[in-house]
């Protein structure tokens, strides 16, 4: 049974990595609406959350599908009226390649997930956030680096869009945060740096605990 007295946190990209870890950590104080395409990852998250007495609503959906996201936001409004927090970690990591060898399919998927999705997510989610609510994005500075044409360009543009929203809401709310995680031992990073010593990288769960006070600060 969902505890309707809890604040509601929407986590997009909740099935793995930092999104999974933050969703699990937020469940200590929030009801979590977890969005991702990977059903198995969401089910694992739900098991973790339920195991420590928390509650979650699983939404196995593709954030690039505007109609699906519109329906999700309408369902959230009808059930809870608002959300208190939106944490956005969903991202596509296309293979590294020289700029002269950019692949059309990889480019389109990077553009759709890393940038285009925000063109409907922000308009749909913003009305669900009260003035004291907050939205959180995570920078990953690879824009302009060699071989990062797909990811660096689209992720950099995503953060630029978030910065515009942040500047526009300074006096009105919601509060828009852009945080910089430490390098983490995630599947995403392993695609970019397969030979890297993962022992020196932060665990997503530890990084979630480090970032959580910033996310929840008044």
N, C-alpha and C. Protein backbone atom coordinates (compact mmCIF):
# COMPACT_ATOMS: atom_id res chain seq x y z
N UNK A 1 0.86 -1.20 0.00
CA UNK A 1 0.00 0.00 0.00
C UNK A 1 0.89 1.25 0.00
N UNK A 2 0.66 2.17 -0.93
CA UNK A 2 1.46 3.37 -1.03
C UNK A 2 1.15 4.33 0.11
N UNK A 3 2.21 4.81 0.76
CA UNK A 3 2.04 5.80 1.82
C UNK A 3 1.90 7.18 1.17
N UNK A 4 0.65 7.67 1.12
CA UNK A 4 0.41 8.94 0.43
C UNK A 4 0.90 10.14 1.24
N UNK A 5 1.36 9.91 2.47
CA UNK A 5 1.88 11.02 3.26
C UNK A 5 3.32 11.34 2.90
N UNK A 6 3.97 10.44 2.19
CA UNK A 6 5.36 10.67 1.81
C UNK A 6 5.44 11.64 0.63
N UNK A 7 6.49 12.48 0.59
CA UNK A 7 6.73 13.25 -0.63
C UNK A 7 7.08 12.30 -1.78
N UNK A 8 6.85 12.75 -2.98
CA UNK A 8 7.04 11.90 -4.16
C UNK A 8 8.28 12.36 -4.93
N UNK A 9 9.15 11.39 -5.25
CA UNK A 9 10.34 11.66 -6.06
C UNK A 9 10.24 10.89 -7.36
N UNK A 10 10.36 11.58 -8.47
CA UNK A 10 10.39 10.97 -9.80
C UNK A 10 11.84 10.83 -10.22
N UNK A 11 12.25 9.60 -10.56
CA UNK A 11 13.62 9.35 -11.00
C UNK A 11 13.57 8.78 -12.41
N UNK A 12 14.07 9.52 -13.38
CA UNK A 12 14.14 9.05 -14.76
C UNK A 12 15.54 8.50 -15.00
N UNK A 13 15.58 7.24 -15.44
CA UNK A 13 16.85 6.53 -15.58
C UNK A 13 17.20 5.77 -14.32
N UNK A 14 16.20 5.08 -13.75
CA UNK A 14 16.34 4.51 -12.41
C UNK A 14 16.78 3.05 -12.39
N UNK A 15 17.06 2.44 -13.52
CA UNK A 15 17.28 1.00 -13.53
C UNK A 15 18.74 0.59 -13.32
N UNK A 16 19.65 1.56 -13.32
CA UNK A 16 21.06 1.20 -13.16
C UNK A 16 21.87 2.42 -12.74
N UNK A 17 23.11 2.17 -12.34
CA UNK A 17 24.05 3.24 -12.06
C UNK A 17 23.60 4.20 -10.99
N UNK A 18 23.90 5.48 -11.20
CA UNK A 18 23.57 6.51 -10.21
C UNK A 18 22.06 6.65 -10.02
N UNK A 19 21.28 6.51 -11.09
CA UNK A 19 19.83 6.61 -10.96
C UNK A 19 19.27 5.55 -10.04
N UNK A 20 19.72 4.33 -10.19
CA UNK A 20 19.31 3.22 -9.32
C UNK A 20 19.67 3.53 -7.88
N UNK A 21 20.93 3.95 -7.66
CA UNK A 21 21.40 4.21 -6.30
C UNK A 21 20.65 5.36 -5.65
N UNK A 22 20.38 6.42 -6.41
CA UNK A 22 19.64 7.55 -5.85
C UNK A 22 18.19 7.18 -5.56
N UNK A 23 17.57 6.41 -6.45
CA UNK A 23 16.20 5.99 -6.21
C UNK A 23 16.11 5.15 -4.94
N UNK A 24 17.07 4.25 -4.76
CA UNK A 24 17.08 3.42 -3.54
C UNK A 24 17.27 4.28 -2.30
N UNK A 25 18.18 5.24 -2.37
CA UNK A 25 18.44 6.10 -1.21
C UNK A 25 17.25 7.01 -0.91
N UNK A 26 16.62 7.54 -1.94
CA UNK A 26 15.48 8.44 -1.74
C UNK A 26 14.28 7.73 -1.13
N UNK A 27 14.21 6.42 -1.31
CA UNK A 27 13.07 5.67 -0.79
C UNK A 27 13.02 5.67 0.73
N UNK A 28 14.10 6.09 1.38
CA UNK A 28 14.07 6.22 2.84
C UNK A 28 13.12 7.34 3.28
N UNK A 29 12.94 8.33 2.41
CA UNK A 29 12.14 9.50 2.79
C UNK A 29 11.04 9.85 1.79
N UNK A 30 11.01 9.17 0.65
CA UNK A 30 10.06 9.50 -0.42
C UNK A 30 9.39 8.23 -0.95
N UNK A 31 8.23 8.42 -1.56
CA UNK A 31 7.71 7.40 -2.45
C UNK A 31 8.35 7.66 -3.81
N UNK A 32 8.96 6.65 -4.39
CA UNK A 32 9.74 6.82 -5.61
C UNK A 32 8.95 6.34 -6.83
N UNK A 33 8.84 7.19 -7.83
CA UNK A 33 8.33 6.79 -9.14
C UNK A 33 9.55 6.58 -10.03
N UNK A 34 9.80 5.33 -10.36
CA UNK A 34 11.04 4.95 -11.05
C UNK A 34 10.76 4.67 -12.52
N UNK A 35 11.43 5.42 -13.38
CA UNK A 35 11.22 5.32 -14.82
C UNK A 35 12.49 4.81 -15.50
N UNK A 36 12.35 3.80 -16.34
CA UNK A 36 13.46 3.28 -17.15
C UNK A 36 12.90 2.29 -18.15
N UNK A 37 13.69 1.99 -19.16
CA UNK A 37 13.25 1.00 -20.14
C UNK A 37 13.52 -0.43 -19.69
N UNK A 38 14.51 -0.62 -18.81
CA UNK A 38 14.94 -1.96 -18.43
C UNK A 38 14.08 -2.49 -17.29
N UNK A 39 13.18 -3.40 -17.59
CA UNK A 39 12.24 -3.91 -16.61
C UNK A 39 12.97 -4.65 -15.49
N UNK A 40 13.95 -5.46 -15.85
CA UNK A 40 14.67 -6.23 -14.84
C UNK A 40 15.36 -5.33 -13.82
N UNK A 41 15.94 -4.23 -14.29
CA UNK A 41 16.59 -3.30 -13.38
C UNK A 41 15.59 -2.64 -12.44
N UNK A 42 14.42 -2.30 -12.96
CA UNK A 42 13.39 -1.71 -12.12
C UNK A 42 12.88 -2.71 -11.08
N UNK A 43 12.76 -3.96 -11.46
CA UNK A 43 12.30 -4.97 -10.51
C UNK A 43 13.34 -5.18 -9.41
N UNK A 44 14.62 -5.15 -9.78
CA UNK A 44 15.67 -5.26 -8.76
C UNK A 44 15.60 -4.07 -7.80
N UNK A 45 15.37 -2.88 -8.35
CA UNK A 45 15.24 -1.68 -7.52
C UNK A 45 14.06 -1.83 -6.56
N UNK A 46 12.93 -2.29 -7.06
CA UNK A 46 11.75 -2.46 -6.24
C UNK A 46 12.01 -3.44 -5.09
N UNK A 47 12.73 -4.52 -5.40
CA UNK A 47 13.07 -5.49 -4.35
C UNK A 47 13.92 -4.83 -3.26
N UNK A 48 14.88 -4.01 -3.68
CA UNK A 48 15.74 -3.32 -2.70
C UNK A 48 14.93 -2.37 -1.84
N UNK A 49 14.06 -1.60 -2.49
CA UNK A 49 13.27 -0.61 -1.77
C UNK A 49 12.30 -1.28 -0.81
N UNK A 50 11.60 -2.31 -1.28
CA UNK A 50 10.66 -3.01 -0.41
C UNK A 50 11.38 -3.70 0.73
N UNK A 51 12.60 -4.18 0.46
CA UNK A 51 13.36 -4.88 1.48
C UNK A 51 13.70 -4.01 2.68
N UNK A 52 13.74 -2.71 2.47
CA UNK A 52 14.01 -1.82 3.61
C UNK A 52 12.79 -1.00 4.01
N UNK A 53 11.62 -1.48 3.59
CA UNK A 53 10.38 -0.89 4.05
C UNK A 53 9.88 0.30 3.27
N UNK A 54 10.48 0.58 2.12
CA UNK A 54 10.06 1.71 1.31
C UNK A 54 9.02 1.31 0.28
N UNK A 55 8.64 2.28 -0.55
CA UNK A 55 7.63 2.01 -1.58
C UNK A 55 8.03 2.69 -2.88
N UNK A 56 7.66 2.05 -3.98
CA UNK A 56 7.98 2.59 -5.30
C UNK A 56 6.87 2.26 -6.27
N UNK A 57 6.72 3.10 -7.26
CA UNK A 57 5.86 2.83 -8.41
C UNK A 57 6.78 2.68 -9.62
N UNK A 58 6.71 1.54 -10.28
CA UNK A 58 7.59 1.27 -11.42
C UNK A 58 6.91 1.70 -12.71
N UNK A 59 7.66 2.42 -13.54
CA UNK A 59 7.15 2.89 -14.83
C UNK A 59 8.13 2.47 -15.92
N UNK A 60 8.00 1.24 -16.46
CA UNK A 60 8.91 0.79 -17.51
C UNK A 60 8.57 1.46 -18.84
N UNK A 61 9.17 2.62 -19.06
CA UNK A 61 8.82 3.46 -20.20
C UNK A 61 10.07 4.05 -20.83
N UNK A 62 9.93 4.47 -22.07
CA UNK A 62 11.00 5.11 -22.83
C UNK A 62 10.79 6.63 -22.76
N UNK A 63 11.73 7.35 -22.16
CA UNK A 63 11.56 8.80 -21.99
C UNK A 63 11.51 9.55 -23.30
N UNK A 64 11.96 8.93 -24.39
CA UNK A 64 11.93 9.62 -25.68
C UNK A 64 10.54 9.63 -26.30
N UNK A 65 9.62 8.85 -25.76
CA UNK A 65 8.25 8.77 -26.28
C UNK A 65 7.39 9.83 -25.58
N UNK A 66 7.14 10.92 -26.27
CA UNK A 66 6.44 12.05 -25.66
C UNK A 66 5.05 11.67 -25.17
N UNK A 67 4.31 10.86 -25.95
CA UNK A 67 2.95 10.50 -25.55
C UNK A 67 2.96 9.68 -24.27
N UNK A 68 3.93 8.77 -24.15
CA UNK A 68 4.02 7.94 -22.95
C UNK A 68 4.35 8.81 -21.73
N UNK A 69 5.24 9.77 -21.90
CA UNK A 69 5.60 10.64 -20.79
C UNK A 69 4.44 11.56 -20.39
N UNK A 70 3.67 11.98 -21.38
CA UNK A 70 2.49 12.79 -21.07
C UNK A 70 1.49 12.00 -20.24
N UNK A 71 1.30 10.72 -20.61
CA UNK A 71 0.38 9.88 -19.86
C UNK A 71 0.89 9.62 -18.46
N UNK A 72 2.18 9.41 -18.31
CA UNK A 72 2.76 9.19 -16.98
C UNK A 72 2.53 10.42 -16.10
N UNK A 73 2.82 11.59 -16.64
CA UNK A 73 2.67 12.82 -15.84
C UNK A 73 1.21 13.07 -15.49
N UNK A 74 0.29 12.74 -16.39
CA UNK A 74 -1.13 12.87 -16.07
C UNK A 74 -1.51 11.90 -14.96
N UNK A 75 -0.98 10.68 -15.00
CA UNK A 75 -1.26 9.69 -13.96
C UNK A 75 -0.71 10.14 -12.62
N UNK A 76 0.49 10.72 -12.63
CA UNK A 76 1.07 11.24 -11.39
C UNK A 76 0.19 12.35 -10.83
N UNK A 77 -0.25 13.25 -11.69
CA UNK A 77 -1.11 14.35 -11.24
C UNK A 77 -2.41 13.81 -10.64
N UNK A 78 -3.02 12.84 -11.32
CA UNK A 78 -4.30 12.31 -10.85
C UNK A 78 -4.14 11.57 -9.52
N UNK A 79 -3.00 10.94 -9.31
CA UNK A 79 -2.80 10.14 -8.09
C UNK A 79 -2.28 10.95 -6.91
N UNK A 80 -1.32 11.84 -7.17
CA UNK A 80 -0.67 12.56 -6.06
C UNK A 80 -0.82 14.08 -6.13
N UNK A 81 -1.19 14.60 -7.29
CA UNK A 81 -1.34 16.04 -7.42
C UNK A 81 -0.07 16.77 -7.79
N UNK A 82 1.06 16.27 -7.31
CA UNK A 82 2.34 16.91 -7.59
C UNK A 82 3.47 15.93 -7.27
N UNK A 83 4.68 16.33 -7.62
CA UNK A 83 5.88 15.65 -7.14
C UNK A 83 6.71 16.70 -6.39
N UNK A 84 7.57 16.23 -5.53
CA UNK A 84 8.41 17.14 -4.77
C UNK A 84 9.82 17.23 -5.34
N UNK A 85 10.19 16.21 -6.13
CA UNK A 85 11.56 16.12 -6.61
C UNK A 85 11.60 15.35 -7.91
N UNK A 86 12.38 15.86 -8.87
CA UNK A 86 12.66 15.13 -10.11
C UNK A 86 14.16 14.98 -10.23
N UNK A 87 14.62 13.75 -10.35
CA UNK A 87 16.04 13.45 -10.54
C UNK A 87 16.19 12.80 -11.92
N UNK A 88 16.97 13.43 -12.79
CA UNK A 88 17.10 12.95 -14.17
C UNK A 88 18.51 12.39 -14.40
N UNK A 89 18.60 11.08 -14.58
CA UNK A 89 19.89 10.44 -14.84
C UNK A 89 19.92 9.67 -16.15
N UNK A 90 18.80 9.60 -16.85
CA UNK A 90 18.74 8.82 -18.09
C UNK A 90 19.69 9.41 -19.13
N UNK A 91 20.45 8.54 -19.78
CA UNK A 91 21.42 9.01 -20.77
C UNK A 91 21.75 7.86 -21.71
N UNK A 92 22.13 8.21 -22.93
CA UNK A 92 22.60 7.20 -23.89
C UNK A 92 24.08 7.45 -24.16
N UNK A 93 24.87 6.41 -24.06
CA UNK A 93 26.31 6.50 -24.29
C UNK A 93 26.67 5.76 -25.57
N UNK A 94 26.75 6.51 -26.66
CA UNK A 94 27.14 5.90 -27.94
C UNK A 94 28.64 5.60 -27.93
N UNK A 95 29.08 4.65 -28.74
CA UNK A 95 30.51 4.31 -28.78
C UNK A 95 31.36 5.52 -29.17
N UNK A 96 32.57 5.56 -28.63
CA UNK A 96 33.51 6.61 -29.02
C UNK A 96 33.92 6.40 -30.47
N UNK A 97 34.07 7.51 -31.17
CA UNK A 97 34.45 7.42 -32.57
C UNK A 97 34.99 8.77 -33.04
N UNK A 98 35.87 8.78 -34.04
CA UNK A 98 36.29 10.06 -34.61
C UNK A 98 35.09 10.83 -35.16
N UNK A 99 35.15 12.12 -35.09
CA UNK A 99 34.04 12.95 -35.57
C UNK A 99 33.76 12.69 -37.05
N UNK A 100 34.79 12.38 -37.81
CA UNK A 100 34.60 12.11 -39.24
C UNK A 100 33.93 10.77 -39.50
N UNK A 101 33.71 9.98 -38.43
CA UNK A 101 33.06 8.68 -38.57
C UNK A 101 31.76 8.60 -37.76
N UNK A 102 31.14 9.73 -37.46
CA UNK A 102 29.89 9.70 -36.71
C UNK A 102 28.87 8.82 -37.41
N UNK A 103 28.20 7.98 -36.61
CA UNK A 103 27.20 7.07 -37.15
C UNK A 103 25.81 7.70 -37.02
N UNK A 104 25.03 7.66 -38.08
CA UNK A 104 23.73 8.33 -38.08
C UNK A 104 22.79 7.78 -37.01
N UNK A 105 22.77 6.45 -36.84
CA UNK A 105 21.87 5.86 -35.85
C UNK A 105 22.32 6.21 -34.43
N UNK A 106 23.61 6.14 -34.17
CA UNK A 106 24.13 6.50 -32.85
C UNK A 106 23.88 7.97 -32.56
N UNK A 107 24.04 8.81 -33.58
CA UNK A 107 23.81 10.24 -33.39
C UNK A 107 22.34 10.50 -33.04
N UNK A 108 21.44 9.87 -33.78
CA UNK A 108 20.01 10.10 -33.55
C UNK A 108 19.58 9.60 -32.18
N UNK A 109 20.10 8.44 -31.76
CA UNK A 109 19.74 7.91 -30.45
C UNK A 109 20.30 8.79 -29.34
N UNK A 110 21.52 9.28 -29.52
CA UNK A 110 22.11 10.20 -28.54
C UNK A 110 21.30 11.48 -28.45
N UNK A 111 20.93 12.01 -29.60
CA UNK A 111 20.15 13.25 -29.64
C UNK A 111 18.78 13.04 -28.99
N UNK A 112 18.12 11.93 -29.32
CA UNK A 112 16.78 11.65 -28.80
C UNK A 112 16.77 11.50 -27.28
N UNK A 113 17.74 10.73 -26.75
CA UNK A 113 17.75 10.43 -25.32
C UNK A 113 18.34 11.57 -24.51
N UNK A 114 19.46 12.11 -24.96
CA UNK A 114 20.21 13.07 -24.15
C UNK A 114 19.70 14.50 -24.26
N UNK A 115 19.01 14.82 -25.34
CA UNK A 115 18.56 16.20 -25.52
C UNK A 115 17.08 16.32 -25.85
N UNK A 116 16.64 15.65 -26.92
CA UNK A 116 15.26 15.83 -27.36
C UNK A 116 14.25 15.47 -26.26
N UNK A 117 14.56 14.44 -25.48
CA UNK A 117 13.62 14.02 -24.43
C UNK A 117 13.30 15.16 -23.47
N UNK A 118 14.30 16.01 -23.19
CA UNK A 118 14.05 17.12 -22.26
C UNK A 118 13.09 18.15 -22.83
N UNK A 119 12.95 18.18 -24.15
CA UNK A 119 12.05 19.17 -24.76
C UNK A 119 10.59 18.86 -24.45
N UNK A 120 10.29 17.61 -24.06
CA UNK A 120 8.93 17.34 -23.57
C UNK A 120 8.92 17.04 -22.08
N UNK A 121 10.01 16.48 -21.54
CA UNK A 121 10.01 16.17 -20.11
C UNK A 121 9.89 17.43 -19.25
N UNK A 122 10.66 18.47 -19.56
CA UNK A 122 10.59 19.69 -18.75
C UNK A 122 9.20 20.32 -18.82
N UNK A 123 8.61 20.52 -20.01
CA UNK A 123 7.25 21.08 -20.04
C UNK A 123 6.20 20.21 -19.35
N UNK A 124 6.36 18.88 -19.39
CA UNK A 124 5.39 18.00 -18.76
C UNK A 124 5.57 17.95 -17.24
N UNK A 125 6.82 17.94 -16.78
CA UNK A 125 7.09 17.75 -15.37
C UNK A 125 7.03 19.07 -14.60
N UNK A 126 7.42 20.16 -15.21
CA UNK A 126 7.43 21.45 -14.50
C UNK A 126 6.11 21.77 -13.81
N UNK A 127 4.94 21.55 -14.43
CA UNK A 127 3.69 21.85 -13.74
C UNK A 127 3.43 20.97 -12.51
N UNK A 128 4.12 19.83 -12.42
CA UNK A 128 3.95 18.95 -11.27
C UNK A 128 4.80 19.38 -10.08
N UNK A 129 5.76 20.27 -10.32
CA UNK A 129 6.68 20.70 -9.27
C UNK A 129 6.19 22.00 -8.65
N UNK A 130 5.98 22.04 -7.33
CA UNK A 130 5.62 23.30 -6.69
C UNK A 130 6.82 24.24 -6.65
N UNK A 131 6.59 25.46 -6.24
CA UNK A 131 7.67 26.45 -6.20
C UNK A 131 8.84 25.99 -5.34
N UNK A 132 8.53 25.24 -4.28
CA UNK A 132 9.60 24.75 -3.39
C UNK A 132 10.16 23.40 -3.84
N UNK A 133 9.66 22.86 -4.95
CA UNK A 133 10.18 21.60 -5.47
C UNK A 133 11.53 21.79 -6.13
N UNK A 134 12.09 20.68 -6.57
CA UNK A 134 13.39 20.80 -7.22
C UNK A 134 13.57 19.75 -8.30
N UNK A 135 14.39 20.11 -9.29
CA UNK A 135 14.77 19.22 -10.38
C UNK A 135 16.29 19.14 -10.40
N UNK A 136 16.81 17.94 -10.60
CA UNK A 136 18.25 17.72 -10.47
C UNK A 136 18.80 17.06 -11.73
N UNK A 137 19.85 17.65 -12.27
CA UNK A 137 20.56 17.11 -13.43
C UNK A 137 22.02 16.89 -13.06
N UNK A 138 22.71 16.10 -13.87
CA UNK A 138 24.08 15.73 -13.54
C UNK A 138 25.00 15.98 -14.73
N UNK A 139 25.98 16.83 -14.51
CA UNK A 139 26.93 17.18 -15.56
C UNK A 139 27.92 16.04 -15.78
N UNK A 140 28.44 15.95 -16.98
CA UNK A 140 29.48 14.97 -17.31
C UNK A 140 30.30 15.59 -18.42
N UNK A 141 31.38 16.24 -18.04
CA UNK A 141 32.08 17.15 -18.94
C UNK A 141 32.98 16.44 -19.94
N UNK A 142 32.40 16.07 -21.08
CA UNK A 142 33.18 15.51 -22.18
C UNK A 142 32.97 16.30 -23.47
N UNK A 143 32.22 17.38 -23.40
CA UNK A 143 31.97 18.18 -24.59
C UNK A 143 33.29 18.71 -25.14
N UNK A 144 33.52 18.49 -26.42
CA UNK A 144 34.73 18.99 -27.06
C UNK A 144 35.92 18.05 -26.97
N UNK A 145 35.80 16.95 -26.23
CA UNK A 145 36.92 15.99 -26.14
C UNK A 145 36.97 15.12 -27.39
N UNK A 146 38.15 14.70 -27.74
CA UNK A 146 38.29 13.86 -28.94
C UNK A 146 37.55 12.54 -28.75
N UNK A 147 36.89 12.12 -29.80
CA UNK A 147 36.14 10.88 -29.90
C UNK A 147 34.80 10.90 -29.15
N UNK A 148 34.47 12.00 -28.47
CA UNK A 148 33.23 12.10 -27.72
C UNK A 148 32.16 12.88 -28.49
N UNK A 149 32.22 12.87 -29.80
CA UNK A 149 31.28 13.67 -30.59
C UNK A 149 29.83 13.36 -30.30
N UNK A 150 29.45 12.06 -30.26
CA UNK A 150 28.06 11.69 -30.00
C UNK A 150 27.63 12.12 -28.59
N UNK A 151 28.36 11.63 -27.60
CA UNK A 151 27.95 11.81 -26.21
C UNK A 151 28.24 13.22 -25.71
N UNK A 152 29.45 13.69 -25.92
CA UNK A 152 29.83 14.98 -25.38
C UNK A 152 28.98 16.12 -25.90
N UNK A 153 28.65 16.07 -27.20
CA UNK A 153 27.85 17.13 -27.80
C UNK A 153 26.43 17.15 -27.24
N UNK A 154 25.79 15.97 -27.20
CA UNK A 154 24.39 15.92 -26.78
C UNK A 154 24.24 16.06 -25.27
N UNK A 155 25.19 15.52 -24.50
CA UNK A 155 25.13 15.70 -23.05
C UNK A 155 25.41 17.15 -22.69
N UNK A 156 26.36 17.77 -23.38
CA UNK A 156 26.64 19.18 -23.14
C UNK A 156 25.44 20.06 -23.45
N UNK A 157 24.72 19.73 -24.53
CA UNK A 157 23.52 20.49 -24.89
C UNK A 157 22.42 20.28 -23.85
N UNK A 158 22.33 19.06 -23.31
CA UNK A 158 21.35 18.80 -22.26
C UNK A 158 21.58 19.71 -21.06
N UNK A 159 22.82 19.82 -20.64
CA UNK A 159 23.14 20.65 -19.48
C UNK A 159 22.91 22.13 -19.80
N UNK A 160 23.18 22.53 -21.02
CA UNK A 160 22.90 23.91 -21.42
C UNK A 160 21.41 24.23 -21.30
N UNK A 161 20.56 23.29 -21.71
CA UNK A 161 19.12 23.48 -21.59
C UNK A 161 18.71 23.55 -20.13
N UNK A 162 19.28 22.67 -19.31
CA UNK A 162 18.99 22.70 -17.87
C UNK A 162 19.43 24.01 -17.24
N UNK A 163 20.56 24.54 -17.70
CA UNK A 163 21.03 25.82 -17.18
C UNK A 163 20.08 26.97 -17.53
N UNK A 164 19.49 26.92 -18.71
CA UNK A 164 18.51 27.94 -19.09
C UNK A 164 17.31 27.87 -18.15
N UNK A 165 16.81 26.67 -17.90
CA UNK A 165 15.68 26.50 -16.97
C UNK A 165 16.06 26.96 -15.57
N UNK A 166 17.28 26.64 -15.17
CA UNK A 166 17.78 27.06 -13.85
C UNK A 166 17.76 28.58 -13.73
N UNK A 167 18.24 29.28 -14.76
CA UNK A 167 18.28 30.75 -14.72
C UNK A 167 16.88 31.35 -14.71
N UNK A 168 15.95 30.68 -15.36
CA UNK A 168 14.58 31.21 -15.47
C UNK A 168 13.77 31.04 -14.19
N UNK A 169 14.20 30.12 -13.32
CA UNK A 169 13.40 29.78 -12.14
C UNK A 169 14.03 30.23 -10.83
N UNK A 170 15.03 31.07 -10.90
CA UNK A 170 15.73 31.51 -9.68
C UNK A 170 14.77 32.15 -8.69
N UNK A 171 13.88 32.99 -9.16
CA UNK A 171 12.98 33.71 -8.25
C UNK A 171 11.62 33.05 -8.09
N UNK A 172 11.25 32.19 -9.03
CA UNK A 172 9.91 31.60 -9.02
C UNK A 172 9.88 30.16 -8.54
N UNK A 173 11.04 29.45 -8.63
CA UNK A 173 11.04 28.02 -8.38
C UNK A 173 10.43 27.30 -9.58
N UNK A 174 10.56 25.99 -9.66
CA UNK A 174 11.28 25.14 -8.72
C UNK A 174 12.78 25.38 -8.79
N UNK A 175 13.50 24.89 -7.77
CA UNK A 175 14.95 25.00 -7.78
C UNK A 175 15.52 23.97 -8.72
N UNK A 176 16.34 24.40 -9.67
CA UNK A 176 16.99 23.49 -10.61
C UNK A 176 18.45 23.36 -10.22
N UNK A 177 18.88 22.15 -9.93
CA UNK A 177 20.26 21.89 -9.53
C UNK A 177 20.99 21.15 -10.64
N UNK A 178 22.25 21.49 -10.83
CA UNK A 178 23.13 20.77 -11.74
C UNK A 178 24.35 20.35 -10.92
N UNK A 179 24.46 19.06 -10.68
CA UNK A 179 25.51 18.52 -9.82
C UNK A 179 26.56 17.79 -10.65
N UNK A 180 27.75 17.66 -10.08
CA UNK A 180 28.87 17.02 -10.77
C UNK A 180 29.32 15.79 -9.98
N UNK A 181 28.86 14.61 -10.38
CA UNK A 181 29.29 13.40 -9.68
C UNK A 181 30.77 13.11 -9.90
N UNK A 182 31.37 12.42 -8.94
CA UNK A 182 32.71 11.90 -9.13
C UNK A 182 32.67 10.75 -10.13
N UNK A 183 33.79 10.46 -10.80
CA UNK A 183 33.81 9.32 -11.71
C UNK A 183 33.40 8.03 -10.98
N UNK A 184 32.48 7.29 -11.59
CA UNK A 184 31.90 6.12 -10.94
C UNK A 184 32.13 4.85 -11.75
N UNK A 185 32.12 3.73 -11.07
CA UNK A 185 32.28 2.43 -11.71
C UNK A 185 30.93 1.97 -12.24
N UNK A 186 30.51 2.57 -13.34
CA UNK A 186 29.23 2.25 -13.97
C UNK A 186 29.45 1.60 -15.33
N UNK A 187 28.39 0.97 -15.83
CA UNK A 187 28.46 0.37 -17.16
C UNK A 187 28.69 1.45 -18.21
N UNK A 188 28.10 2.62 -18.00
CA UNK A 188 28.27 3.72 -18.95
C UNK A 188 29.75 4.11 -19.07
N UNK A 189 30.39 4.30 -17.92
CA UNK A 189 31.80 4.70 -17.96
C UNK A 189 32.67 3.59 -18.56
N UNK A 190 32.33 2.34 -18.30
CA UNK A 190 33.11 1.22 -18.82
C UNK A 190 33.08 1.19 -20.35
N UNK A 191 32.00 1.71 -20.93
CA UNK A 191 31.94 1.76 -22.40
C UNK A 191 32.96 2.74 -22.95
N UNK A 192 33.22 3.81 -22.20
CA UNK A 192 34.16 4.83 -22.65
C UNK A 192 35.60 4.48 -22.28
N UNK A 193 35.79 3.87 -21.13
CA UNK A 193 37.15 3.60 -20.62
C UNK A 193 37.25 2.14 -20.19
N UNK A 194 37.23 1.20 -21.15
CA UNK A 194 37.17 -0.23 -20.81
C UNK A 194 38.39 -0.75 -20.05
N UNK A 195 39.55 -0.14 -20.21
CA UNK A 195 40.75 -0.63 -19.53
C UNK A 195 41.05 0.07 -18.23
N UNK A 196 40.15 0.92 -17.77
CA UNK A 196 40.37 1.73 -16.58
C UNK A 196 40.36 0.88 -15.31
N UNK A 197 41.17 1.26 -14.33
CA UNK A 197 41.17 0.61 -13.02
C UNK A 197 39.92 1.04 -12.27
N UNK A 198 38.93 0.16 -12.17
CA UNK A 198 37.65 0.50 -11.56
C UNK A 198 37.74 0.59 -10.04
N UNK A 199 38.82 0.06 -9.48
CA UNK A 199 38.97 0.11 -8.02
C UNK A 199 39.14 1.53 -7.50
N UNK A 200 39.60 2.44 -8.36
CA UNK A 200 39.81 3.82 -7.91
C UNK A 200 38.58 4.69 -8.14
N UNK A 201 37.53 4.11 -8.72
CA UNK A 201 36.31 4.86 -9.02
C UNK A 201 35.31 4.74 -7.87
N UNK A 202 34.45 5.72 -7.76
CA UNK A 202 33.42 5.70 -6.71
C UNK A 202 32.35 4.68 -7.06
N UNK A 203 31.81 4.03 -6.05
CA UNK A 203 30.64 3.17 -6.23
C UNK A 203 29.41 4.06 -6.35
N UNK A 204 28.48 3.74 -7.26
CA UNK A 204 27.27 4.58 -7.38
C UNK A 204 26.53 4.76 -6.06
N UNK A 205 26.47 3.73 -5.23
CA UNK A 205 25.76 3.86 -3.95
C UNK A 205 26.45 4.88 -3.05
N UNK A 206 27.80 4.85 -3.03
CA UNK A 206 28.53 5.83 -2.21
C UNK A 206 28.35 7.24 -2.75
N UNK A 207 28.35 7.36 -4.06
CA UNK A 207 28.19 8.68 -4.67
C UNK A 207 26.78 9.22 -4.43
N UNK A 208 25.80 8.33 -4.43
CA UNK A 208 24.43 8.75 -4.12
C UNK A 208 24.36 9.31 -2.71
N UNK A 209 25.01 8.65 -1.77
CA UNK A 209 25.01 9.14 -0.39
C UNK A 209 25.73 10.47 -0.26
N UNK A 210 26.77 10.69 -1.07
CA UNK A 210 27.48 11.97 -1.04
C UNK A 210 26.63 13.08 -1.60
N UNK A 211 25.89 12.80 -2.66
CA UNK A 211 25.11 13.84 -3.33
C UNK A 211 23.76 14.10 -2.67
N UNK A 212 23.25 13.12 -1.93
CA UNK A 212 21.90 13.24 -1.40
C UNK A 212 21.70 14.48 -0.52
N UNK A 213 22.63 14.84 0.36
CA UNK A 213 22.42 16.05 1.16
C UNK A 213 22.27 17.31 0.30
N UNK A 214 22.99 17.37 -0.83
CA UNK A 214 22.84 18.52 -1.73
C UNK A 214 21.47 18.51 -2.39
N UNK A 215 21.00 17.34 -2.76
CA UNK A 215 19.71 17.21 -3.43
C UNK A 215 18.57 17.58 -2.49
N UNK A 216 18.69 17.21 -1.23
CA UNK A 216 17.59 17.41 -0.28
C UNK A 216 17.75 18.67 0.56
N UNK A 217 18.82 19.43 0.34
CA UNK A 217 19.05 20.62 1.16
C UNK A 217 17.94 21.64 0.94
N UNK A 218 17.63 22.39 1.98
CA UNK A 218 16.56 23.39 1.90
C UNK A 218 16.97 24.55 1.01
